[in-house]
């Protein structure tokens, strides 16, 4: 049963918020919401599991934020109609600006 459970929920931050690293800062991480939002990626989603996996946030990006952001941060996913959004949020506006300048892919 455990292998099936792991298959169903995934093991990467972009699929379920779990991490291969135990070093996420306290009060930061998956499903943590803060004032300054940045959309990392967005794309079509019709409820298919394969489509869900196409939109995510790379572990390397989250690790960089965890290492360099001065304030708290989090990430989450929203689905609006047929679009999935991967969103990163920051407590501190300077961290959001740093992210926008250094890491944001747009």
PDB file of N, CA and C in Angstrom:
ATOM      1  N   UNK A   1       0.822  -1.199   0.000  1.00  0.00           N
ATOM      2  CA  UNK A   1       0.000   0.000   0.000  1.00  0.00           C
ATOM      3  C   UNK A   1       0.864   1.260   0.000  1.00  0.00           C
ATOM      4  N   UNK A   2       1.970   1.297   0.729  1.00  0.00           N
ATOM      5  CA  UNK A   2       2.821   2.480   0.796  1.00  0.00           C
ATOM      6  C   UNK A   2       3.328   2.888  -0.588  1.00  0.00           C
ATOM      7  N   UNK A   3       3.827   1.958  -1.439  1.00  0.00           N
ATOM      8  CA  UNK A   3       4.266   2.385  -2.774  1.00  0.00           C
ATOM      9  C   UNK A   3       3.139   3.034  -3.574  1.00  0.00           C
ATOM     10  N   UNK A   4       1.929   2.499  -3.472  1.00  0.00           N
ATOM     11  CA  UNK A   4       0.795   3.091  -4.189  1.00  0.00           C
ATOM     12  C   UNK A   4       0.473   4.476  -3.645  1.00  0.00           C
ATOM     13  N   UNK A   5       0.566   4.643  -2.336  1.00  0.00           N
ATOM     14  CA  UNK A   5       0.318   5.945  -1.724  1.00  0.00           C
ATOM     15  C   UNK A   5       1.340   6.953  -2.213  1.00  0.00           C
ATOM     16  N   UNK A   6       2.626   6.583  -2.223  1.00  0.00           N
ATOM     17  CA  UNK A   6       3.666   7.491  -2.697  1.00  0.00           C
ATOM     18  C   UNK A   6       3.448   7.845  -4.158  1.00  0.00           C
ATOM     19  N   UNK A   7       3.020   6.869  -4.947  1.00  0.00           N
ATOM     20  CA  UNK A   7       2.749   7.139  -6.358  1.00  0.00           C
ATOM     21  C   UNK A   7       1.609   8.134  -6.502  1.00  0.00           C
ATOM     22  N   UNK A   8       0.604   8.009  -5.659  1.00  0.00           N
ATOM     23  CA  UNK A   8      -0.571   8.873  -5.743  1.00  0.00           C
ATOM     24  C   UNK A   8      -0.287  10.295  -5.312  1.00  0.00           C
ATOM     25  N   UNK A   9       0.546  10.472  -4.275  1.00  0.00           N
ATOM     26  CA  UNK A   9       0.750  11.821  -3.756  1.00  0.00           C
ATOM     27  C   UNK A   9       2.033  12.474  -4.247  1.00  0.00           C
ATOM     28  N   UNK A  10       2.925  11.704  -4.863  1.00  0.00           N
ATOM     29  CA  UNK A  10       4.172  12.279  -5.347  1.00  0.00           C
ATOM     30  C   UNK A  10       5.165  12.489  -4.219  1.00  0.00           C
ATOM     31  N   UNK A  11       6.380  12.912  -4.575  1.00  0.00           N
ATOM     32  CA  UNK A  11       7.409  13.116  -3.554  1.00  0.00           C
ATOM     33  C   UNK A  11       8.192  14.394  -3.777  1.00  0.00           C
ATOM     34  N   UNK A  12       7.735  15.285  -4.625  1.00  0.00           N
ATOM     35  CA  UNK A  12       8.467  16.505  -4.903  1.00  0.00           C
ATOM     36  C   UNK A  12       7.644  17.706  -4.476  1.00  0.00           C
ATOM     37  N   UNK A  13       8.312  18.834  -4.181  1.00  0.00           N
ATOM     38  CA  UNK A  13       7.568  20.015  -3.732  1.00  0.00           C
ATOM     39  C   UNK A  13       6.514  20.472  -4.724  1.00  0.00           C
ATOM     40  N   UNK A  14       6.772  20.331  -6.019  1.00  0.00           N
ATOM     41  CA  UNK A  14       5.816  20.833  -6.984  1.00  0.00           C
ATOM     42  C   UNK A  14       4.570  19.966  -7.084  1.00  0.00           C
ATOM     43  N   UNK A  15       4.572  18.759  -6.525  1.00  0.00           N
ATOM     44  CA  UNK A  15       3.381  17.935  -6.594  1.00  0.00           C
ATOM     45  C   UNK A  15       2.592  17.893  -5.301  1.00  0.00           C
ATOM     46  N   UNK A  16       3.266  17.951  -4.155  1.00  0.00           N
ATOM     47  CA  UNK A  16       2.491  17.829  -2.929  1.00  0.00           C
ATOM     48  C   UNK A  16       3.062  18.580  -1.734  1.00  0.00           C
ATOM     49  N   UNK A  17       4.123  19.346  -1.918  1.00  0.00           N
ATOM     50  CA  UNK A  17       4.654  20.128  -0.823  1.00  0.00           C
ATOM     51  C   UNK A  17       5.630  19.397   0.059  1.00  0.00           C
ATOM     52  N   UNK A  18       5.833  18.117  -0.175  1.00  0.00           N
ATOM     53  CA  UNK A  18       6.826  17.396   0.609  1.00  0.00           C
ATOM     54  C   UNK A  18       8.199  17.731   0.045  1.00  0.00           C
ATOM     55  N   UNK A  19       9.220  17.487   0.799  1.00  0.00           N
ATOM     56  CA  UNK A  19      10.550  17.868   0.368  1.00  0.00           C
ATOM     57  C   UNK A  19      11.549  16.756   0.608  1.00  0.00           C
ATOM     58  N   UNK A  20      12.516  16.676  -0.284  1.00  0.00           N
ATOM     59  CA  UNK A  20      13.625  15.753  -0.069  1.00  0.00           C
ATOM     60  C   UNK A  20      14.545  16.313   1.009  1.00  0.00           C
ATOM     61  N   UNK A  21      14.406  17.578   1.315  1.00  0.00           N
ATOM     62  CA  UNK A  21      15.240  18.237   2.317  1.00  0.00           C
ATOM     63  C   UNK A  21      14.431  18.466   3.586  1.00  0.00           C
ATOM     64  N   UNK A  22      15.071  18.320   4.717  1.00  0.00           N
ATOM     65  CA  UNK A  22      14.411  18.601   5.990  1.00  0.00           C
ATOM     66  C   UNK A  22      14.723  20.008   6.474  1.00  0.00           C
ATOM     67  N   UNK A  23      15.308  20.823   5.636  1.00  0.00           N
ATOM     68  CA  UNK A  23      15.833  22.111   6.059  1.00  0.00           C
ATOM     69  C   UNK A  23      14.964  23.308   5.681  1.00  0.00           C
ATOM     70  N   UNK A  24      13.668  23.123   5.415  1.00  0.00           N
ATOM     71  CA  UNK A  24      12.821  24.282   5.143  1.00  0.00           C
ATOM     72  C   UNK A  24      12.692  25.068   6.442  1.00  0.00           C
ATOM     73  N   UNK A  25      12.716  26.377   6.307  1.00  0.00           N
ATOM     74  CA  UNK A  25      12.620  27.216   7.505  1.00  0.00           C
ATOM     75  C   UNK A  25      11.229  27.122   8.132  1.00  0.00           C
ATOM     76  N   UNK A  26      11.195  27.359   9.428  1.00  0.00           N
ATOM     77  CA  UNK A  26       9.928  27.316  10.149  1.00  0.00           C
ATOM     78  C   UNK A  26       8.983  28.382   9.602  1.00  0.00           C
ATOM     79  N   UNK A  27       7.718  28.032   9.506  1.00  0.00           N
ATOM     80  CA  UNK A  27       6.656  28.922   9.013  1.00  0.00           C
ATOM     81  C   UNK A  27       6.821  29.273   7.533  1.00  0.00           C
ATOM     82  N   UNK A  28       7.607  28.504   6.805  1.00  0.00           N
ATOM     83  CA  UNK A  28       7.774  28.689   5.360  1.00  0.00           C
ATOM     84  C   UNK A  28       7.462  27.361   4.680  1.00  0.00           C
ATOM     85  N   UNK A  29       7.093  27.435   3.410  1.00  0.00           N
ATOM     86  CA  UNK A  29       6.925  26.200   2.660  1.00  0.00           C
ATOM     87  C   UNK A  29       5.587  26.091   1.969  1.00  0.00           C
ATOM     88  N   UNK A  30       5.224  24.853   1.703  1.00  0.00           N
ATOM     89  CA  UNK A  30       4.016  24.541   0.948  1.00  0.00           C
ATOM     90  C   UNK A  30       2.760  24.980   1.696  1.00  0.00           C
ATOM     91  N   UNK A  31       1.869  25.618   0.948  1.00  0.00           N
ATOM     92  CA  UNK A  31       0.602  26.130   1.462  1.00  0.00           C
ATOM     93  C   UNK A  31       0.767  27.193   2.539  1.00  0.00           C
ATOM     94  N   UNK A  32       1.844  27.947   2.464  1.00  0.00           N
ATOM     95  CA  UNK A  32       2.029  29.132   3.308  1.00  0.00           C
ATOM     96  C   UNK A  32       1.759  30.336   2.404  1.00  0.00           C
ATOM     97  N   UNK A  33       0.937  31.244   2.868  1.00  0.00           N
ATOM     98  CA  UNK A  33       0.482  32.378   2.060  1.00  0.00           C
ATOM     99  C   UNK A  33       0.974  33.692   2.662  1.00  0.00           C
ATOM    100  N   UNK A  34       1.539  34.544   1.805  1.00  0.00           N
ATOM    101  CA  UNK A  34       2.003  35.855   2.243  1.00  0.00           C
ATOM    102  C   UNK A  34       1.547  36.908   1.233  1.00  0.00           C
ATOM    103  N   UNK A  35       1.737  38.153   1.570  1.00  0.00           N
ATOM    104  CA  UNK A  35       1.166  39.279   0.827  1.00  0.00           C
ATOM    105  C   UNK A  35       1.665  39.407  -0.612  1.00  0.00           C
ATOM    106  N   UNK A  36       2.946  39.199  -0.838  1.00  0.00           N
ATOM    107  CA  UNK A  36       3.536  39.476  -2.154  1.00  0.00           C
ATOM    108  C   UNK A  36       3.606  38.198  -2.983  1.00  0.00           C
ATOM    109  N   UNK A  37       2.741  38.135  -4.013  1.00  0.00           N
ATOM    110  CA  UNK A  37       2.615  36.929  -4.827  1.00  0.00           C
ATOM    111  C   UNK A  37       3.325  37.067  -6.160  1.00  0.00           C
ATOM    112  N   UNK A  38       3.920  35.955  -6.601  1.00  0.00           N
ATOM    113  CA  UNK A  38       4.535  35.875  -7.922  1.00  0.00           C
ATOM    114  C   UNK A  38       4.063  34.580  -8.572  1.00  0.00           C
ATOM    115  N   UNK A  39       3.538  34.663  -9.762  1.00  0.00           N
ATOM    116  CA  UNK A  39       3.169  33.455 -10.484  1.00  0.00           C
ATOM    117  C   UNK A  39       4.425  32.920 -11.157  1.00  0.00           C
ATOM    118  N   UNK A  40       4.835  31.721 -10.773  1.00  0.00           N
ATOM    119  CA  UNK A  40       6.019  31.100 -11.371  1.00  0.00           C
ATOM    120  C   UNK A  40       5.674  30.493 -12.725  1.00  0.00           C
ATOM    121  N   UNK A  41       4.536  29.792 -12.785  1.00  0.00           N
ATOM    122  CA  UNK A  41       4.161  29.112 -14.016  1.00  0.00           C
ATOM    123  C   UNK A  41       2.653  28.946 -14.036  1.00  0.00           C
ATOM    124  N   UNK A  42       2.109  28.877 -15.224  1.00  0.00           N
ATOM    125  CA  UNK A  42       0.689  28.603 -15.369  1.00  0.00           C
ATOM    126  C   UNK A  42       0.484  27.793 -16.636  1.00  0.00           C
ATOM    127  N   UNK A  43      -0.581  27.022 -16.654  1.00  0.00           N
ATOM    128  CA  UNK A  43      -0.861  26.233 -17.845  1.00  0.00           C
ATOM    129  C   UNK A  43      -2.190  25.516 -17.751  1.00  0.00           C
ATOM    130  N   UNK A  44      -2.569  24.901 -18.838  1.00  0.00           N
ATOM    131  CA  UNK A  44      -3.837  24.195 -18.965  1.00  0.00           C
ATOM    132  C   UNK A  44      -3.925  23.046 -17.969  1.00  0.00           C
ATOM    133  N   UNK A  45      -5.095  22.900 -17.369  1.00  0.00           N
ATOM    134  CA  UNK A  45      -5.348  21.781 -16.467  1.00  0.00           C
ATOM    135  C   UNK A  45      -6.812  21.381 -16.570  1.00  0.00           C
ATOM    136  N   UNK A  46      -7.059  20.111 -16.919  1.00  0.00           N
ATOM    137  CA  UNK A  46      -8.433  19.633 -17.069  1.00  0.00           C
ATOM    138  C   UNK A  46      -8.802  18.559 -16.049  1.00  0.00           C
ATOM    139  N   UNK A  47      -7.984  18.416 -14.994  1.00  0.00           N
ATOM    140  CA  UNK A  47      -8.250  17.413 -13.981  1.00  0.00           C
ATOM    141  C   UNK A  47      -7.425  16.150 -14.160  1.00  0.00           C
ATOM    142  N   UNK A  48      -6.691  16.041 -15.244  1.00  0.00           N
ATOM    143  CA  UNK A  48      -5.850  14.880 -15.525  1.00  0.00           C
ATOM    144  C   UNK A  48      -4.568  14.957 -14.702  1.00  0.00           C
ATOM    145  N   UNK A  49      -4.179  13.856 -14.064  1.00  0.00           N
ATOM    146  CA  UNK A  49      -2.962  13.834 -13.244  1.00  0.00           C
ATOM    147  C   UNK A  49      -1.721  14.217 -14.037  1.00  0.00           C
ATOM    148  N   UNK A  50      -1.639  13.797 -15.280  1.00  0.00           N
ATOM    149  CA  UNK A  50      -0.472  14.140 -16.105  1.00  0.00           C
ATOM    150  C   UNK A  50      -0.396  15.654 -16.324  1.00  0.00           C
ATOM    151  N   UNK A  51      -1.529  16.284 -16.537  1.00  0.00           N
ATOM    152  CA  UNK A  51      -1.551  17.743 -16.703  1.00  0.00           C
ATOM    153  C   UNK A  51      -1.125  18.436 -15.409  1.00  0.00           C
ATOM    154  N   UNK A  52      -1.523  17.876 -14.248  1.00  0.00           N
ATOM    155  CA  UNK A  52      -1.157  18.478 -12.960  1.00  0.00           C
ATOM    156  C   UNK A  52       0.355  18.543 -12.816  1.00  0.00           C
ATOM    157  N   UNK A  53       1.041  17.497 -13.213  1.00  0.00           N
ATOM    158  CA  UNK A  53       2.491  17.409 -13.050  1.00  0.00           C
ATOM    159  C   UNK A  53       3.253  18.345 -13.979  1.00  0.00           C
ATOM    160  N   UNK A  54       2.604  18.852 -14.998  1.00  0.00           N
ATOM    161  CA  UNK A  54       3.277  19.721 -15.965  1.00  0.00           C
ATOM    162  C   UNK A  54       3.559  21.115 -15.421  1.00  0.00           C
ATOM    163  N   UNK A  55       2.792  21.546 -14.442  1.00  0.00           N
ATOM    164  CA  UNK A  55       2.939  22.888 -13.871  1.00  0.00           C
ATOM    165  C   UNK A  55       3.445  22.750 -12.451  1.00  0.00           C
ATOM    166  N   UNK A  56       4.655  23.265 -12.186  1.00  0.00           N
ATOM    167  CA  UNK A  56       5.216  23.151 -10.853  1.00  0.00           C
ATOM    168  C   UNK A  56       6.354  24.127 -10.642  1.00  0.00           C
ATOM    169  N   UNK A  57       6.981  24.024  -9.497  1.00  0.00           N
ATOM    170  CA  UNK A  57       8.104  24.889  -9.132  1.00  0.00           C
ATOM    171  C   UNK A  57       9.304  23.984  -8.884  1.00  0.00           C
ATOM    172  N   UNK A  58      10.383  24.181  -9.617  1.00  0.00           N
ATOM    173  CA  UNK A  58      11.550  23.322  -9.436  1.00  0.00           C
ATOM    174  C   UNK A  58      12.114  23.398  -8.014  1.00  0.00           C
ATOM    175  N   UNK A  59      12.572  22.267  -7.528  1.00  0.00           N
ATOM    176  CA  UNK A  59      13.164  22.187  -6.188  1.00  0.00           C
ATOM    177  C   UNK A  59      14.324  23.170  -6.053  1.00  0.00           C
ATOM    178  N   UNK A  60      15.108  23.346  -7.108  1.00  0.00           N
ATOM    179  CA  UNK A  60      16.265  24.260  -7.056  1.00  0.00           C
ATOM    180  C   UNK A  60      15.835  25.699  -6.796  1.00  0.00           C
ATOM    181  N   UNK A  61      14.702  26.105  -7.335  1.00  0.00           N
ATOM    182  CA  UNK A  61      14.187  27.458  -7.108  1.00  0.00           C
ATOM    183  C   UNK A  61      13.782  27.612  -5.644  1.00  0.00           C
ATOM    184  N   UNK A  62      13.074  26.617  -5.126  1.00  0.00           N
ATOM    185  CA  UNK A  62      12.641  26.682  -3.730  1.00  0.00           C
ATOM    186  C   UNK A  62      13.825  26.666  -2.776  1.00  0.00           C
ATOM    187  N   UNK A  63      14.838  25.897  -3.095  1.00  0.00           N
ATOM    188  CA  UNK A  63      16.049  25.858  -2.266  1.00  0.00           C
ATOM    189  C   UNK A  63      16.756  27.203  -2.276  1.00  0.00           C
ATOM    190  N   UNK A  64      16.841  27.835  -3.444  1.00  0.00           N
ATOM    191  CA  UNK A  64      17.475  29.157  -3.544  1.00  0.00           C
ATOM    192  C   UNK A  64      16.716  30.184  -2.711  1.00  0.00           C
ATOM    193  N   UNK A  65      15.395  30.144  -2.788  1.00  0.00           N
ATOM    194  CA  UNK A  65      14.579  31.065  -1.987  1.00  0.00           C
ATOM    195  C   UNK A  65      14.792  30.784  -0.500  1.00  0.00           C
ATOM    196  N   UNK A  66      14.787  29.513  -0.121  1.00  0.00           N
ATOM    197  CA  UNK A  66      14.978  29.134   1.277  1.00  0.00           C
ATOM    198  C   UNK A  66      16.314  29.644   1.813  1.00  0.00           C
ATOM    199  N   UNK A  67      17.323  29.633   0.978  1.00  0.00           N
ATOM    200  CA  UNK A  67      18.665  30.057   1.376  1.00  0.00           C
ATOM    201  C   UNK A  67      18.799  31.577   1.423  1.00  0.00           C
ATOM    202  N   UNK A  68      18.182  32.285   0.476  1.00  0.00           N
ATOM    203  CA  UNK A  68      18.462  33.708   0.301  1.00  0.00           C
ATOM    204  C   UNK A  68      17.389  34.683   0.776  1.00  0.00           C
ATOM    205  N   UNK A  69      16.148  34.260   0.863  1.00  0.00           N
ATOM    206  CA  UNK A  69      15.096  35.184   1.300  1.00  0.00           C
ATOM    207  C   UNK A  69      15.294  35.525   2.775  1.00  0.00           C
ATOM    208  N   UNK A  70      15.131  36.786   3.102  1.00  0.00           N
ATOM    209  CA  UNK A  70      15.310  37.230   4.486  1.00  0.00           C
ATOM    210  C   UNK A  70      14.051  36.996   5.326  1.00  0.00           C
ATOM    211  N   UNK A  71      12.903  37.139   4.688  1.00  0.00           N
ATOM    212  CA  UNK A  71      11.636  36.929   5.384  1.00  0.00           C
ATOM    213  C   UNK A  71      11.039  35.570   5.073  1.00  0.00           C
ATOM    214  N   UNK A  72       9.796  35.407   5.477  1.00  0.00           N
ATOM    215  CA  UNK A  72       9.091  34.157   5.242  1.00  0.00           C
ATOM    216  C   UNK A  72       8.622  34.077   3.788  1.00  0.00           C
ATOM    217  N   UNK A  73       8.416  32.849   3.336  1.00  0.00           N
ATOM    218  CA  UNK A  73       7.962  32.614   1.965  1.00  0.00           C
ATOM    219  C   UNK A  73       7.109  31.348   1.953  1.00  0.00           C
ATOM    220  N   UNK A  74       6.389  31.175   0.885  1.00  0.00           N
ATOM    221  CA  UNK A  74       5.607  29.954   0.718  1.00  0.00           C
ATOM    222  C   UNK A  74       5.284  29.737  -0.739  1.00  0.00           C
ATOM    223  N   UNK A  75       4.721  28.588  -1.024  1.00  0.00           N
ATOM    224  CA  UNK A  75       4.260  28.322  -2.382  1.00  0.00           C
ATOM    225  C   UNK A  75       2.985  27.496  -2.312  1.00  0.00           C
ATOM    226  N   UNK A  76       2.165  27.660  -3.327  1.00  0.00           N
ATOM    227  CA  UNK A  76       0.910  26.930  -3.409  1.00  0.00           C
ATOM    228  C   UNK A  76       0.455  26.881  -4.862  1.00  0.00           C
ATOM    229  N   UNK A  77      -0.627  26.176  -5.084  1.00  0.00           N
ATOM    230  CA  UNK A  77      -1.178  26.026  -6.421  1.00  0.00           C
ATOM    231  C   UNK A  77      -2.643  26.404  -6.390  1.00  0.00           C
ATOM    232  N   UNK A  78      -3.090  27.074  -7.426  1.00  0.00           N
ATOM    233  CA  UNK A  78      -4.496  27.421  -7.602  1.00  0.00           C
ATOM    234  C   UNK A  78      -4.947  26.902  -8.951  1.00  0.00           C
ATOM    235  N   UNK A  79      -6.194  26.491  -9.022  1.00  0.00           N
ATOM    236  CA  UNK A  79      -6.801  26.137 -10.299  1.00  0.00           C
ATOM    237  C   UNK A  79      -8.006  27.043 -10.478  1.00  0.00           C
ATOM    238  N   UNK A  80      -8.004  27.790 -11.569  1.00  0.00           N
ATOM    239  CA  UNK A  80      -9.116  28.664 -11.912  1.00  0.00           C
ATOM    240  C   UNK A  80      -9.583  28.250 -13.300  1.00  0.00           C
ATOM    241  N   UNK A  81     -10.811  27.770 -13.345  1.00  0.00           N
ATOM    242  CA  UNK A  81     -11.391  27.206 -14.568  1.00  0.00           C
ATOM    243  C   UNK A  81     -10.499  26.101 -15.094  1.00  0.00           C
ATOM    244  N   UNK A  82      -9.833  26.277 -16.193  1.00  0.00           N
ATOM    245  CA  UNK A  82      -8.991  25.213 -16.759  1.00  0.00           C
ATOM    246  C   UNK A  82      -7.512  25.597 -16.754  1.00  0.00           C
ATOM    247  N   UNK A  83      -7.114  26.449 -15.793  1.00  0.00           N
ATOM    248  CA  UNK A  83      -5.728  26.876 -15.696  1.00  0.00           C
ATOM    249  C   UNK A  83      -5.202  26.626 -14.287  1.00  0.00           C
ATOM    250  N   UNK A  84      -4.034  25.987 -14.222  1.00  0.00           N
ATOM    251  CA  UNK A  84      -3.354  25.767 -12.944  1.00  0.00           C
ATOM    252  C   UNK A  84      -2.258  26.807 -12.802  1.00  0.00           C
ATOM    253  N   UNK A  85      -2.143  27.395 -11.627  1.00  0.00           N
ATOM    254  CA  UNK A  85      -1.119  28.395 -11.324  1.00  0.00           C
ATOM    255  C   UNK A  85      -0.208  27.870 -10.224  1.00  0.00           C
ATOM    256  N   UNK A  86       1.109  27.967 -10.439  1.00  0.00           N
ATOM    257  CA  UNK A  86       2.109  27.690  -9.409  1.00  0.00           C
ATOM    258  C   UNK A  86       2.559  29.051  -8.887  1.00  0.00           C
ATOM    259  N   UNK A  87       2.295  29.322  -7.613  1.00  0.00           N
ATOM    260  CA  UNK A  87       2.482  30.656  -7.049  1.00  0.00           C
ATOM    261  C   UNK A  87       3.463  30.605  -5.882  1.00  0.00           C
ATOM    262  N   UNK A  88       4.388  31.554  -5.885  1.00  0.00           N
ATOM    263  CA  UNK A  88       5.320  31.718  -4.772  1.00  0.00           C
ATOM    264  C   UNK A  88       4.976  33.034  -4.087  1.00  0.00           C
ATOM    265  N   UNK A  89       4.909  33.028  -2.760  1.00  0.00           N
ATOM    266  CA  UNK A  89       4.565  34.242  -2.026  1.00  0.00           C
ATOM    267  C   UNK A  89       5.670  34.592  -1.033  1.00  0.00           C
ATOM    268  N   UNK A  90       5.772  35.886  -0.754  1.00  0.00           N
ATOM    269  CA  UNK A  90       6.799  36.397   0.152  1.00  0.00           C
ATOM    270  C   UNK A  90       6.170  37.323   1.179  1.00  0.00           C
ATOM    271  N   UNK A  91       6.668  37.267   2.393  1.00  0.00           N
ATOM    272  CA  UNK A  91       6.245  38.181   3.447  1.00  0.00           C
ATOM    273  C   UNK A  91       6.861  39.559   3.216  1.00  0.00           C
ATOM    274  N   UNK A  92       8.093  39.597   2.771  1.00  0.00           N
ATOM    275  CA  UNK A  92       8.862  40.832   2.614  1.00  0.00           C
ATOM    276  C   UNK A  92       8.885  41.284   1.151  1.00  0.00           C
ATOM    277  N   UNK A  93       8.545  42.544   0.911  1.00  0.00           N
ATOM    278  CA  UNK A  93       8.521  43.031  -0.473  1.00  0.00           C
ATOM    279  C   UNK A  93       9.909  43.046  -1.105  1.00  0.00           C
ATOM    280  N   UNK A  94      10.963  43.210  -0.310  1.00  0.00           N
ATOM    281  CA  UNK A  94      12.321  43.175  -0.862  1.00  0.00           C
ATOM    282  C   UNK A  94      12.681  41.776  -1.358  1.00  0.00           C
ATOM    283  N   UNK A  95      12.206  40.744  -0.669  1.00  0.00           N
ATOM    284  CA  UNK A  95      12.424  39.379  -1.143  1.00  0.00           C
ATOM    285  C   UNK A  95      11.689  39.144  -2.460  1.00  0.00           C
ATOM    286  N   UNK A  96      10.483  39.686  -2.561  1.00  0.00           N
ATOM    287  CA  UNK A  96       9.723  39.546  -3.804  1.00  0.00           C
ATOM    288  C   UNK A  96      10.451  40.240  -4.951  1.00  0.00           C
ATOM    289  N   UNK A  97      11.010  41.404  -4.696  1.00  0.00           N
ATOM    290  CA  UNK A  97      11.768  42.119  -5.724  1.00  0.00           C
ATOM    291  C   UNK A  97      13.025  41.333  -6.099  1.00  0.00           C
ATOM    292  N   UNK A  98      13.745  40.825  -5.110  1.00  0.00           N
ATOM    293  CA  UNK A  98      14.932  40.009  -5.370  1.00  0.00           C
ATOM    294  C   UNK A  98      14.570  38.816  -6.253  1.00  0.00           C
ATOM    295  N   UNK A  99      13.483  38.156  -5.916  1.00  0.00           N
ATOM    296  CA  UNK A  99      13.042  37.004  -6.693  1.00  0.00           C
ATOM    297  C   UNK A  99      12.716  37.405  -8.125  1.00  0.00           C
ATOM    298  N   UNK A 100      12.009  38.493  -8.266  1.00  0.00           N
ATOM    299  CA  UNK A 100      11.617  38.970  -9.603  1.00  0.00           C
ATOM    300  C   UNK A 100      12.855  39.262 -10.444  1.00  0.00           C
ATOM    301  N   UNK A 101      13.845  39.870  -9.863  1.00  0.00           N
ATOM    302  CA  UNK A 101      15.057  40.245 -10.613  1.00  0.00           C
ATOM    303  C   UNK A 101      15.982  39.058 -10.872  1.00  0.00           C
ATOM    304  N   UNK A 102      16.110  38.165  -9.898  1.00  0.00           N
ATOM    305  CA  UNK A 102      17.108  37.098 -10.016  1.00  0.00           C
ATOM    306  C   UNK A 102      16.552  35.800 -10.588  1.00  0.00           C
ATOM    307  N   UNK A 103      15.398  35.380 -10.136  1.00  0.00           N
ATOM    308  CA  UNK A 103      14.932  34.034 -10.450  1.00  0.00           C
ATOM    309  C   UNK A 103      13.748  33.934 -11.378  1.00  0.00           C
ATOM    310  N   UNK A 104      12.861  34.905 -11.359  1.00  0.00           N
ATOM    311  CA  UNK A 104      11.622  34.753 -12.114  1.00  0.00           C
ATOM    312  C   UNK A 104      11.915  34.528 -13.582  1.00  0.00           C
ATOM    313  N   UNK A 105      11.248  33.544 -14.153  1.00  0.00           N
ATOM    314  CA  UNK A 105      11.511  33.170 -15.534  1.00  0.00           C
ATOM    315  C   UNK A 105      10.819  34.054 -16.554  1.00  0.00           C
ATOM    316  N   UNK A 106       9.920  34.931 -16.112  1.00  0.00           N
ATOM    317  CA  UNK A 106       9.225  35.833 -17.062  1.00  0.00           C
ATOM    318  C   UNK A 106      10.060  37.034 -17.429  1.00  0.00           C
TER     319      UNK A 106
END
